[in-house]
C-alpha atoms as a PDB file:
ATOM      1  CA  MET A   1     219.274  30.700 -68.532  1.00  0.00           C
ATOM      2  CA  ASN A   2     215.603  30.327 -69.465  1.00  0.00           C
ATOM      3  CA  HIS A   3     213.830  28.340 -66.755  1.00  0.00           C
ATOM      4  CA  LEU A   4     210.441  28.966 -65.205  1.00  0.00           C
ATOM      5  CA  SER A   5     208.884  27.295 -62.173  1.00  0.00           C
ATOM      6  CA  LEU A   6     205.259  28.258 -61.679  1.00  0.00           C
ATOM      7  CA  ALA A   7     202.429  27.169 -59.407  1.00  0.00           C
ATOM      8  CA  ALA A   8     199.247  27.593 -61.428  1.00  0.00           C
ATOM      9  CA  VAL A   9     195.713  26.407 -62.025  1.00  0.00           C
ATOM     10  CA  VAL A  10     194.758  24.862 -65.362  1.00  0.00           C
ATOM     11  CA  VAL A  11     191.879  26.952 -66.733  1.00  0.00           C
ATOM     12  CA  GLN A  12     191.780  25.615 -70.308  1.00  0.00           C
ATOM     13  CA  VAL A  13     192.912  22.376 -71.943  1.00  0.00           C
ATOM     14  CA  ASP A  14     192.594  21.958 -75.701  1.00  0.00           C
ATOM     15  CA  THR A  15     192.037  18.632 -77.425  1.00  0.00           C
ATOM     16  CA  LEU A  16     195.105  16.410 -77.684  1.00  0.00           C
ATOM     17  CA  ARG A  17     196.703  16.760 -81.117  1.00  0.00           C
ATOM     18  CA  TYR A  18     199.725  15.286 -82.864  1.00  0.00           C
ATOM     19  CA  THR A  19     202.643  17.078 -84.512  1.00  0.00           C
ATOM     20  CA  PRO A  20     203.572  16.158 -88.117  1.00  0.00           C
ATOM     21  CA  ALA A  21     206.209  13.868 -86.562  1.00  0.00           C
ATOM     22  CA  GLY A  22     203.493  12.057 -84.585  1.00  0.00           C
ATOM     23  CA  VAL A  23     204.349  13.504 -81.165  1.00  0.00           C
ATOM     24  CA  PRO A  24     201.349  14.130 -78.864  1.00  0.00           C
ATOM     25  CA  ALA A  25     200.852  17.825 -78.032  1.00  0.00           C
ATOM     26  CA  VAL A  26     198.337  19.825 -76.015  1.00  0.00           C
ATOM     27  CA  ASN A  27     197.802  23.558 -75.568  1.00  0.00           C
ATOM     28  CA  LEU A  28     196.736  24.848 -72.168  1.00  0.00           C
ATOM     29  CA  VAL A  29     195.986  28.107 -70.427  1.00  0.00           C
ATOM     30  CA  LEU A  30     197.322  28.517 -66.887  1.00  0.00           C
ATOM     31  CA  GLU A  31     196.345  31.058 -64.248  1.00  0.00           C
ATOM     32  CA  HIS A  32     198.613  32.118 -61.378  1.00  0.00           C
ATOM     33  CA  GLN A  33     197.902  34.294 -58.337  1.00  0.00           C
ATOM     34  CA  SER A  34     200.235  34.991 -55.438  1.00  0.00           C
ATOM     35  CA  ASP A  35     201.704  37.592 -53.122  1.00  0.00           C
ATOM     36  CA  VAL A  36     205.304  38.667 -53.670  1.00  0.00           C
ATOM     37  CA  LEU A  37     207.655  41.138 -52.064  1.00  0.00           C
ATOM     38  CA  GLU A  38     208.848  43.957 -54.288  1.00  0.00           C
ATOM     39  CA  MET A  39     211.144  46.576 -52.809  1.00  0.00           C
ATOM     40  CA  GLY A  40     210.066  45.443 -49.345  1.00  0.00           C
ATOM     41  CA  LEU A  41     206.363  45.832 -50.086  1.00  0.00           C
ATOM     42  CA  LYS A  42     203.818  43.056 -50.426  1.00  0.00           C
ATOM     43  CA  ARG A  43     202.213  42.976 -53.876  1.00  0.00           C
ATOM     44  CA  GLN A  44     199.459  40.783 -55.300  1.00  0.00           C
ATOM     45  CA  VAL A  45     200.297  39.412 -58.732  1.00  0.00           C
ATOM     46  CA  SER A  46     198.242  37.459 -61.196  1.00  0.00           C
ATOM     47  CA  LEU A  47     198.792  36.268 -64.722  1.00  0.00           C
ATOM     48  CA  ILE A  48     197.266  34.154 -67.428  1.00  0.00           C
ATOM     49  CA  LEU A  49     199.786  32.270 -69.540  1.00  0.00           C
ATOM     50  CA  LYS A  50     199.507  30.138 -72.671  1.00  0.00           C
ATOM     51  CA  ALA A  51     201.333  26.835 -72.322  1.00  0.00           C
ATOM     52  CA  VAL A  52     202.101  23.732 -74.356  1.00  0.00           C
ATOM     53  CA  ALA A  53     203.247  20.209 -73.462  1.00  0.00           C
ATOM     54  CA  PHE A  54     204.499  17.355 -75.637  1.00  0.00           C
ATOM     55  CA  GLY A  55     204.803  13.579 -75.376  1.00  0.00           C
ATOM     56  CA  ALA A  56     203.607  11.672 -72.327  1.00  0.00           C
ATOM     57  CA  ASP A  57     203.138  14.950 -70.426  1.00  0.00           C
ATOM     58  CA  ALA A  58     200.707  16.125 -73.121  1.00  0.00           C
ATOM     59  CA  GLN A  59     198.719  12.899 -72.856  1.00  0.00           C
ATOM     60  CA  THR A  60     198.443  13.215 -69.070  1.00  0.00           C
ATOM     61  CA  LEU A  61     197.631  16.930 -69.076  1.00  0.00           C
ATOM     62  CA  SER A  62     194.986  16.505 -71.791  1.00  0.00           C
ATOM     63  CA  ARG A  63     192.938  14.414 -69.325  1.00  0.00           C
ATOM     64  CA  LEU A  64     193.112  16.914 -66.439  1.00  0.00           C
ATOM     65  CA  ALA A  65     190.018  18.401 -64.881  1.00  0.00           C
ATOM     66  CA  LEU A  66     189.810  22.165 -65.131  1.00  0.00           C
ATOM     67  CA  ASN A  67     190.892  24.154 -62.068  1.00  0.00           C
ATOM     68  CA  THR A  68     193.524  21.560 -61.155  1.00  0.00           C
ATOM     69  CA  ALA A  69     196.403  23.198 -59.266  1.00  0.00           C
ATOM     70  CA  LEU A  70     199.892  22.012 -60.235  1.00  0.00           C
ATOM     71  CA  GLU A  71     203.516  23.090 -60.071  1.00  0.00           C
ATOM     72  CA  PHE A  72     205.100  23.385 -63.520  1.00  0.00           C
ATOM     73  CA  ASP A  73     208.710  23.581 -64.729  1.00  0.00           C
ATOM     74  CA  GLY A  74     209.784  24.568 -68.214  1.00  0.00           C
ATOM     75  CA  PHE A  75     210.907  27.476 -70.364  1.00  0.00           C
ATOM     76  CA  LEU A  76     209.443  30.480 -72.183  1.00  0.00           C
ATOM     77  CA  THR A  77     209.558  31.143 -75.907  1.00  0.00           C
ATOM     78  CA  THR A  78     207.959  33.583 -78.320  1.00  0.00           C
ATOM     79  CA  ALA A  79     204.629  32.446 -79.744  1.00  0.00           C
ATOM     80  CA  ARG A  80     204.633  31.413 -83.403  1.00  0.00           C
ATOM     81  CA  ASN A  81     202.693  34.536 -84.363  1.00  0.00           C
ATOM     82  CA  HIS A  82     205.213  36.658 -82.412  1.00  0.00           C
ATOM     83  CA  LYS A  83     202.404  37.907 -80.159  1.00  0.00           C
ATOM     84  CA  GLY A  84     203.232  37.083 -76.564  1.00  0.00           C
ATOM     85  CA  VAL A  85     205.024  34.144 -75.011  1.00  0.00           C
ATOM     86  CA  VAL A  86     204.319  30.450 -74.566  1.00  0.00           C
ATOM     87  CA  PHE A  87     205.380  28.384 -71.558  1.00  0.00           C
ATOM     88  CA  HIS A  88     206.773  25.016 -72.693  1.00  0.00           C
ATOM     89  CA  ILE A  89     206.046  22.569 -69.886  1.00  0.00           C
ATOM     90  CA  GLN A  90     208.822  20.041 -69.262  1.00  0.00           C
ATOM     91  CA  ALA A  91     207.672  18.671 -65.900  1.00  0.00           C
ATOM     92  CA  PHE A  92     204.780  19.038 -63.476  1.00  0.00           C
ATOM     93  CA  LYS A  93     203.578  17.734 -60.131  1.00  0.00           C
ATOM     94  CA  GLU A  94     200.684  18.217 -57.741  1.00  0.00           C
ATOM     95  CA  SER A  95     200.864  21.347 -55.597  1.00  0.00           C
END
């Protein structure tokens, strides 16, 4: 199963674009910081993740103010250039 739930802050939102099929799309950059337990020890983790959303979600996210904290659900896939991963956002809500 490929499912990711992530609480993150939106640190970059690109201009809304449209796919060749006419579907709205927006690229974002998300930042996450939290404390997790690993082998019984508390560890601080942080990450910056490229993300993309399509359709009505893309239209809504394209209007977000930077540094907005949200909870995202979606899946990971390899980036088109095969360098890194991209988080495909399927749903989101306020944290």
